[in-house]
Amino acid sequence: HTAPVDKRAAARGLAAAVEEALAEAPQMPIAHRDDTPLPLVGPTPPVAQPGRPPMSQRATDVSGVMLAGGVASLPVGG
């Protein structure tokens, strides 16, 4: 048969052990903020991304004409 344990004394001992462990733990930063200003334009030239190739200047111009025609026909069609 085990001796009766004082629950409050056990809780105080556990709390003291936790406080001691936390006091010994090194304080590590949990966040970092870099306030260095970012460059507006970097030195790296643009590179085409994988997937669909970029549109040519002619395709861009035709796309603009089609968009303008679509917007102009909207009031007519209702």
PDB file of N, CA and C in Angstrom:
ATOM      1  N   HIS A   1       0.856  -1.171   0.000  1.00  0.00           N
ATOM      2  CA  HIS A   1       0.000   0.000   0.000  1.00  0.00           C
ATOM      3  C   HIS A   1       0.900   1.231   0.000  1.00  0.00           C
ATOM      4  N   THR A   2       0.617   2.201  -0.885  1.00  0.00           N
ATOM      5  CA  THR A   2       1.454   3.396  -0.964  1.00  0.00           C
ATOM      6  C   THR A   2       0.963   4.441   0.019  1.00  0.00           C
ATOM      7  N   ALA A   3       1.884   5.309   0.390  1.00  0.00           N
ATOM      8  CA  ALA A   3       1.549   6.381   1.327  1.00  0.00           C
ATOM      9  C   ALA A   3       0.679   7.404   0.611  1.00  0.00           C
ATOM     10  N   PRO A   4      -0.237   8.050   1.317  1.00  0.00           N
ATOM     11  CA  PRO A   4      -1.076   9.068   0.677  1.00  0.00           C
ATOM     12  C   PRO A   4      -0.220  10.238   0.202  1.00  0.00           C
ATOM     13  N   VAL A   5      -0.537  10.732  -0.979  1.00  0.00           N
ATOM     14  CA  VAL A   5       0.229  11.826  -1.581  1.00  0.00           C
ATOM     15  C   VAL A   5      -0.565  13.114  -1.416  1.00  0.00           C
ATOM     16  N   ASP A   6       0.125  14.135  -0.936  1.00  0.00           N
ATOM     17  CA  ASP A   6      -0.505  15.446  -0.823  1.00  0.00           C
ATOM     18  C   ASP A   6      -0.586  16.034  -2.236  1.00  0.00           C
ATOM     19  N   LYS A   7      -1.787  16.139  -2.784  1.00  0.00           N
ATOM     20  CA  LYS A   7      -1.966  16.582  -4.166  1.00  0.00           C
ATOM     21  C   LYS A   7      -1.489  18.012  -4.378  1.00  0.00           C
ATOM     22  N   ARG A   8      -1.687  18.849  -3.386  1.00  0.00           N
ATOM     23  CA  ARG A   8      -1.240  20.239  -3.534  1.00  0.00           C
ATOM     24  C   ARG A   8       0.276  20.327  -3.563  1.00  0.00           C
ATOM     25  N   ALA A   9       0.939  19.542  -2.720  1.00  0.00           N
ATOM     26  CA  ALA A   9       2.403  19.543  -2.711  1.00  0.00           C
ATOM     27  C   ALA A   9       2.934  19.000  -4.037  1.00  0.00           C
ATOM     28  N   ALA A  10       2.274  17.963  -4.575  1.00  0.00           N
ATOM     29  CA  ALA A  10       2.694  17.408  -5.858  1.00  0.00           C
ATOM     30  C   ALA A  10       2.507  18.434  -6.974  1.00  0.00           C
ATOM     31  N   ALA A  11       1.389  19.166  -6.941  1.00  0.00           N
ATOM     32  CA  ALA A  11       1.131  20.187  -7.952  1.00  0.00           C
ATOM     33  C   ALA A  11       2.147  21.317  -7.857  1.00  0.00           C
ATOM     34  N   ARG A  12       2.477  21.725  -6.627  1.00  0.00           N
ATOM     35  CA  ARG A  12       3.485  22.772  -6.451  1.00  0.00           C
ATOM     36  C   ARG A  12       4.844  22.298  -6.958  1.00  0.00           C
ATOM     37  N   GLY A  13       5.182  21.037  -6.680  1.00  0.00           N
ATOM     38  CA  GLY A  13       6.456  20.495  -7.155  1.00  0.00           C
ATOM     39  C   GLY A  13       6.512  20.452  -8.674  1.00  0.00           C
ATOM     40  N   LEU A  14       5.399  20.043  -9.296  1.00  0.00           N
ATOM     41  CA  LEU A  14       5.349  20.006 -10.754  1.00  0.00           C
ATOM     42  C   LEU A  14       5.460  21.412 -11.336  1.00  0.00           C
ATOM     43  N   ALA A  15       4.738  22.372 -10.752  1.00  0.00           N
ATOM     44  CA  ALA A  15       4.799  23.754 -11.228  1.00  0.00           C
ATOM     45  C   ALA A  15       6.205  24.321 -11.080  1.00  0.00           C
ATOM     46  N   ALA A  16       6.866  24.007  -9.976  1.00  0.00           N
ATOM     47  CA  ALA A  16       8.238  24.483  -9.768  1.00  0.00           C
ATOM     48  C   ALA A  16       9.178  23.875 -10.801  1.00  0.00           C
ATOM     49  N   ALA A  17       8.989  22.586 -11.112  1.00  0.00           N
ATOM     50  CA  ALA A  17       9.843  21.936 -12.109  1.00  0.00           C
ATOM     51  C   ALA A  17       9.641  22.552 -13.491  1.00  0.00           C
ATOM     52  N   VAL A  18       8.389  22.876 -13.827  1.00  0.00           N
ATOM     53  CA  VAL A  18       8.110  23.506 -15.119  1.00  0.00           C
ATOM     54  C   VAL A  18       8.728  24.896 -15.170  1.00  0.00           C
ATOM     55  N   GLU A  19       8.563  25.674 -14.113  1.00  0.00           N
ATOM     56  CA  GLU A  19       9.154  27.016 -14.067  1.00  0.00           C
ATOM     57  C   GLU A  19      10.669  26.950 -14.204  1.00  0.00           C
ATOM     58  N   GLU A  20      11.293  25.987 -13.544  1.00  0.00           N
ATOM     59  CA  GLU A  20      12.744  25.835 -13.616  1.00  0.00           C
ATOM     60  C   GLU A  20      13.173  25.472 -15.036  1.00  0.00           C
ATOM     61  N   ALA A  21      12.439  24.566 -15.672  1.00  0.00           N
ATOM     62  CA  ALA A  21      12.783  24.170 -17.037  1.00  0.00           C
ATOM     63  C   ALA A  21      12.629  25.342 -18.003  1.00  0.00           C
ATOM     64  N   LEU A  22      11.576  26.136 -17.817  1.00  0.00           N
ATOM     65  CA  LEU A  22      11.376  27.292 -18.690  1.00  0.00           C
ATOM     66  C   LEU A  22      12.436  28.360 -18.461  1.00  0.00           C
ATOM     67  N   ALA A  23      12.886  28.515 -17.224  1.00  0.00           N
ATOM     68  CA  ALA A  23      13.913  29.513 -16.924  1.00  0.00           C
ATOM     69  C   ALA A  23      15.246  29.120 -17.546  1.00  0.00           C
ATOM     70  N   GLU A  24      15.509  27.813 -17.641  1.00  0.00           N
ATOM     71  CA  GLU A  24      16.777  27.344 -18.194  1.00  0.00           C
ATOM     72  C   GLU A  24      16.773  27.326 -19.718  1.00  0.00           C
ATOM     73  N   ALA A  25      15.598  27.299 -20.336  1.00  0.00           N
ATOM     74  CA  ALA A  25      15.512  27.215 -21.793  1.00  0.00           C
ATOM     75  C   ALA A  25      16.046  28.499 -22.415  1.00  0.00           C
ATOM     76  N   PRO A  26      16.842  28.380 -23.479  1.00  0.00           N
ATOM     77  CA  PRO A  26      17.338  29.591 -24.137  1.00  0.00           C
ATOM     78  C   PRO A  26      16.188  30.337 -24.808  1.00  0.00           C
ATOM     79  N   GLN A  27      16.250  31.649 -24.748  1.00  0.00           N
ATOM     80  CA  GLN A  27      15.209  32.469 -25.357  1.00  0.00           C
ATOM     81  C   GLN A  27      15.504  32.593 -26.849  1.00  0.00           C
ATOM     82  N   MET A  28      14.654  31.988 -27.651  1.00  0.00           N
ATOM     83  CA  MET A  28      14.832  32.027 -29.100  1.00  0.00           C
ATOM     84  C   MET A  28      13.810  32.982 -29.704  1.00  0.00           C
ATOM     85  N   PRO A  29      14.220  33.775 -30.684  1.00  0.00           N
ATOM     86  CA  PRO A  29      13.247  34.660 -31.326  1.00  0.00           C
ATOM     87  C   PRO A  29      12.210  33.836 -32.081  1.00  0.00           C
ATOM     88  N   ILE A  30      10.972  34.308 -32.064  1.00  0.00           N
ATOM     89  CA  ILE A  30       9.909  33.585 -32.751  1.00  0.00           C
ATOM     90  C   ILE A  30       9.471  34.313 -34.017  1.00  0.00           C
ATOM     91  N   ALA A  31      10.029  35.486 -34.287  1.00  0.00           N
ATOM     92  CA  ALA A  31       9.680  36.228 -35.494  1.00  0.00           C
ATOM     93  C   ALA A  31      10.881  37.067 -35.910  1.00  0.00           C
ATOM     94  N   HIS A  32      10.917  37.423 -37.183  1.00  0.00           N
ATOM     95  CA  HIS A  32      11.988  38.274 -37.701  1.00  0.00           C
ATOM     96  C   HIS A  32      11.373  39.248 -38.695  1.00  0.00           C
ATOM     97  N   ARG A  33      11.735  40.490 -38.591  1.00  0.00           N
ATOM     98  CA  ARG A  33      11.249  41.495 -39.533  1.00  0.00           C
ATOM     99  C   ARG A  33      12.451  42.157 -40.185  1.00  0.00           C
ATOM    100  N   ASP A  34      12.479  42.127 -41.500  1.00  0.00           N
ATOM    101  CA  ASP A  34      13.562  42.744 -42.258  1.00  0.00           C
ATOM    102  C   ASP A  34      13.020  44.023 -42.882  1.00  0.00           C
ATOM    103  N   ASP A  35      13.476  45.166 -42.387  1.00  0.00           N
ATOM    104  CA  ASP A  35      12.999  46.456 -42.875  1.00  0.00           C
ATOM    105  C   ASP A  35      13.863  47.018 -44.001  1.00  0.00           C
ATOM    106  N   THR A  36      14.743  46.188 -44.564  1.00  0.00           N
ATOM    107  CA  THR A  36      15.584  46.640 -45.659  1.00  0.00           C
ATOM    108  C   THR A  36      14.697  46.975 -46.858  1.00  0.00           C
ATOM    109  N   PRO A  37      14.842  48.177 -47.433  1.00  0.00           N
ATOM    110  CA  PRO A  37      13.987  48.516 -48.577  1.00  0.00           C
ATOM    111  C   PRO A  37      14.300  47.616 -49.775  1.00  0.00           C
ATOM    112  N   LEU A  38      13.250  47.194 -50.470  1.00  0.00           N
ATOM    113  CA  LEU A  38      13.420  46.331 -51.626  1.00  0.00           C
ATOM    114  C   LEU A  38      13.656  47.177 -52.870  1.00  0.00           C
ATOM    115  N   PRO A  39      14.464  46.675 -53.805  1.00  0.00           N
ATOM    116  CA  PRO A  39      14.685  47.444 -55.036  1.00  0.00           C
ATOM    117  C   PRO A  39      13.417  47.460 -55.886  1.00  0.00           C
ATOM    118  N   LEU A  40      13.149  48.596 -56.535  1.00  0.00           N
ATOM    119  CA  LEU A  40      11.975  48.690 -57.392  1.00  0.00           C
ATOM    120  C   LEU A  40      12.157  47.863 -58.658  1.00  0.00           C
ATOM    121  N   VAL A  41      13.369  47.865 -59.196  1.00  0.00           N
ATOM    122  CA  VAL A  41      13.678  47.104 -60.402  1.00  0.00           C
ATOM    123  C   VAL A  41      14.962  46.342 -60.135  1.00  0.00           C
ATOM    124  N   GLY A  42      14.922  45.059 -60.346  1.00  0.00           N
ATOM    125  CA  GLY A  42      16.108  44.242 -60.126  1.00  0.00           C
ATOM    126  C   GLY A  42      16.967  44.166 -61.376  1.00  0.00           C
ATOM    127  N   PRO A  43      18.190  43.646 -61.253  1.00  0.00           N
ATOM    128  CA  PRO A  43      19.092  43.571 -62.398  1.00  0.00           C
ATOM    129  C   PRO A  43      18.807  42.372 -63.308  1.00  0.00           C
ATOM    130  N   THR A  44      17.947  41.448 -62.891  1.00  0.00           N
ATOM    131  CA  THR A  44      17.712  40.243 -63.677  1.00  0.00           C
ATOM    132  C   THR A  44      16.721  40.525 -64.801  1.00  0.00           C
ATOM    133  N   PRO A  45      17.065  40.154 -66.043  1.00  0.00           N
ATOM    134  CA  PRO A  45      16.130  40.382 -67.144  1.00  0.00           C
ATOM    135  C   PRO A  45      14.942  39.431 -67.059  1.00  0.00           C
ATOM    136  N   PRO A  46      13.804  39.796 -67.665  1.00  0.00           N
ATOM    137  CA  PRO A  46      12.644  38.908 -67.630  1.00  0.00           C
ATOM    138  C   PRO A  46      12.909  37.631 -68.413  1.00  0.00           C
ATOM    139  N   VAL A  47      12.304  36.549 -67.953  1.00  0.00           N
ATOM    140  CA  VAL A  47      12.479  35.244 -68.590  1.00  0.00           C
ATOM    141  C   VAL A  47      11.095  34.661 -68.831  1.00  0.00           C
ATOM    142  N   ALA A  48      10.895  34.080 -70.013  1.00  0.00           N
ATOM    143  CA  ALA A  48       9.613  33.442 -70.313  1.00  0.00           C
ATOM    144  C   ALA A  48       9.413  32.259 -69.382  1.00  0.00           C
ATOM    145  N   GLN A  49       8.216  32.140 -68.838  1.00  0.00           N
ATOM    146  CA  GLN A  49       7.903  31.061 -67.908  1.00  0.00           C
ATOM    147  C   GLN A  49       7.447  29.830 -68.684  1.00  0.00           C
ATOM    148  N   PRO A  50       7.576  28.654 -68.066  1.00  0.00           N
ATOM    149  CA  PRO A  50       7.116  27.452 -68.758  1.00  0.00           C
ATOM    150  C   PRO A  50       5.600  27.482 -68.959  1.00  0.00           C
ATOM    151  N   GLY A  51       5.144  26.805 -69.996  1.00  0.00           N
ATOM    152  CA  GLY A  51       3.712  26.798 -70.287  1.00  0.00           C
ATOM    153  C   GLY A  51       3.454  27.499 -71.600  1.00  0.00           C
ATOM    154  N   ARG A  52       2.377  28.279 -71.644  1.00  0.00           N
ATOM    155  CA  ARG A  52       2.051  29.004 -72.875  1.00  0.00           C
ATOM    156  C   ARG A  52       3.112  30.057 -73.153  1.00  0.00           C
ATOM    157  N   PRO A  53       3.544  30.171 -74.408  1.00  0.00           N
ATOM    158  CA  PRO A  53       4.553  31.188 -74.723  1.00  0.00           C
ATOM    159  C   PRO A  53       3.951  32.587 -74.626  1.00  0.00           C
ATOM    160  N   PRO A  54       4.786  33.605 -74.407  1.00  0.00           N
ATOM    161  CA  PRO A  54       4.266  34.970 -74.323  1.00  0.00           C
ATOM    162  C   PRO A  54       3.689  35.405 -75.672  1.00  0.00           C
ATOM    163  N   MET A  55       2.745  36.331 -75.613  1.00  0.00           N
ATOM    164  CA  MET A  55       2.101  36.823 -76.835  1.00  0.00           C
ATOM    165  C   MET A  55       3.039  37.762 -77.580  1.00  0.00           C
ATOM    166  N   SER A  56       2.954  37.707 -78.910  1.00  0.00           N
ATOM    167  CA  SER A  56       3.725  38.635 -79.731  1.00  0.00           C
ATOM    168  C   SER A  56       3.072  40.018 -79.662  1.00  0.00           C
ATOM    169  N   GLN A  57       3.779  41.029 -80.150  1.00  0.00           N
ATOM    170  CA  GLN A  57       3.218  42.381 -80.151  1.00  0.00           C
ATOM    171  C   GLN A  57       1.977  42.439 -81.032  1.00  0.00           C
ATOM    172  N   ARG A  58       1.999  41.739 -82.168  1.00  0.00           N
ATOM    173  CA  ARG A  58       0.833  41.724 -83.068  1.00  0.00           C
ATOM    174  C   ARG A  58      -0.365  41.081 -82.374  1.00  0.00           C
ATOM    175  N   ALA A  59      -0.131  39.973 -81.677  1.00  0.00           N
ATOM    176  CA  ALA A  59      -1.229  39.299 -80.979  1.00  0.00           C
ATOM    177  C   ALA A  59      -1.795  40.193 -79.874  1.00  0.00           C
ATOM    178  N   THR A  60      -0.927  40.935 -79.206  1.00  0.00           N
ATOM    179  CA  THR A  60      -1.381  41.854 -78.164  1.00  0.00           C
ATOM    180  C   THR A  60      -2.251  42.958 -78.762  1.00  0.00           C
ATOM    181  N   ASP A  61      -1.823  43.490 -79.907  1.00  0.00           N
ATOM    182  CA  ASP A  61      -2.600  44.548 -80.564  1.00  0.00           C
ATOM    183  C   ASP A  61      -3.964  44.036 -81.011  1.00  0.00           C
ATOM    184  N   VAL A  62      -4.011  42.848 -81.619  1.00  0.00           N
ATOM    185  CA  VAL A  62      -5.277  42.274 -82.082  1.00  0.00           C
ATOM    186  C   VAL A  62      -6.192  42.005 -80.897  1.00  0.00           C
ATOM    187  N   SER A  63      -5.628  41.550 -79.789  1.00  0.00           N
ATOM    188  CA  SER A  63      -6.423  41.286 -78.592  1.00  0.00           C
ATOM    189  C   SER A  63      -7.069  42.569 -78.089  1.00  0.00           C
ATOM    190  N   GLY A  64      -6.328  43.663 -78.105  1.00  0.00           N
ATOM    191  CA  GLY A  64      -6.885  44.951 -77.684  1.00  0.00           C
ATOM    192  C   GLY A  64      -8.025  45.398 -78.574  1.00  0.00           C
ATOM    193  N   VAL A  65      -7.886  45.181 -79.898  1.00  0.00           N
ATOM    194  CA  VAL A  65      -8.950  45.557 -80.841  1.00  0.00           C
ATOM    195  C   VAL A  65     -10.191  44.711 -80.577  1.00  0.00           C
ATOM    196  N   MET A  66     -10.009  43.407 -80.324  1.00  0.00           N
ATOM    197  CA  MET A  66     -11.156  42.532 -80.055  1.00  0.00           C
ATOM    198  C   MET A  66     -11.864  42.936 -78.768  1.00  0.00           C
ATOM    199  N   LEU A  67     -11.100  43.287 -77.744  1.00  0.00           N
ATOM    200  CA  LEU A  67     -11.720  43.726 -76.489  1.00  0.00           C
ATOM    201  C   LEU A  67     -12.507  45.017 -76.694  1.00  0.00           C
ATOM    202  N   ALA A  68     -11.923  45.949 -77.432  1.00  0.00           N
ATOM    203  CA  ALA A  68     -12.614  47.217 -77.677  1.00  0.00           C
ATOM    204  C   ALA A  68     -13.887  46.979 -78.482  1.00  0.00           C
ATOM    205  N   GLY A  69     -13.832  46.090 -79.472  1.00  0.00           N
ATOM    206  CA  GLY A  69     -15.024  45.773 -80.265  1.00  0.00           C
ATOM    207  C   GLY A  69     -16.092  45.112 -79.418  1.00  0.00           C
ATOM    208  N   GLY A  70     -15.693  44.256 -78.500  1.00  0.00           N
ATOM    209  CA  GLY A  70     -16.653  43.595 -77.622  1.00  0.00           C
ATOM    210  C   GLY A  70     -17.330  44.578 -76.689  1.00  0.00           C
ATOM    211  N   VAL A  71     -16.568  45.519 -76.164  1.00  0.00           N
ATOM    212  CA  VAL A  71     -17.132  46.531 -75.261  1.00  0.00           C
ATOM    213  C   VAL A  71     -18.057  47.460 -76.038  1.00  0.00           C
ATOM    214  N   ALA A  72     -17.685  47.791 -77.284  1.00  0.00           N
ATOM    215  CA  ALA A  72     -18.520  48.691 -78.094  1.00  0.00           C
ATOM    216  C   ALA A  72     -19.833  48.026 -78.484  1.00  0.00           C
ATOM    217  N   SER A  73     -19.834  46.704 -78.657  1.00  0.00           N
ATOM    218  CA  SER A  73     -21.066  46.021 -79.068  1.00  0.00           C
ATOM    219  C   SER A  73     -21.986  45.720 -77.887  1.00  0.00           C
ATOM    220  N   LEU A  74     -21.517  45.877 -76.675  1.00  0.00           N
ATOM    221  CA  LEU A  74     -22.329  45.575 -75.501  1.00  0.00           C
ATOM    222  C   LEU A  74     -23.583  46.451 -75.421  1.00  0.00           C
ATOM    223  N   PRO A  75     -23.478  47.786 -75.606  1.00  0.00           N
ATOM    224  CA  PRO A  75     -24.699  48.595 -75.547  1.00  0.00           C
ATOM    225  C   PRO A  75     -25.676  48.266 -76.683  1.00  0.00           C
ATOM    226  N   VAL A  76     -25.164  47.856 -77.836  1.00  0.00           N
ATOM    227  CA  VAL A  76     -26.025  47.557 -78.979  1.00  0.00           C
ATOM    228  C   VAL A  76     -26.821  46.285 -78.714  1.00  0.00           C
ATOM    229  N   GLY A  77     -26.147  45.259 -78.173  1.00  0.00           N
ATOM    230  CA  GLY A  77     -26.805  43.978 -77.946  1.00  0.00           C
ATOM    231  C   GLY A  77     -27.707  43.970 -76.724  1.00  0.00           C
ATOM    232  N   GLY A  78     -27.530  44.883 -75.854  1.00  0.00           N
ATOM    233  CA  GLY A  78     -28.463  45.009 -74.783  1.00  0.00           C
ATOM    234  C   GLY A  78     -28.060  44.635 -73.457  1.00  0.00           C
TER     235      GLY A  78
END
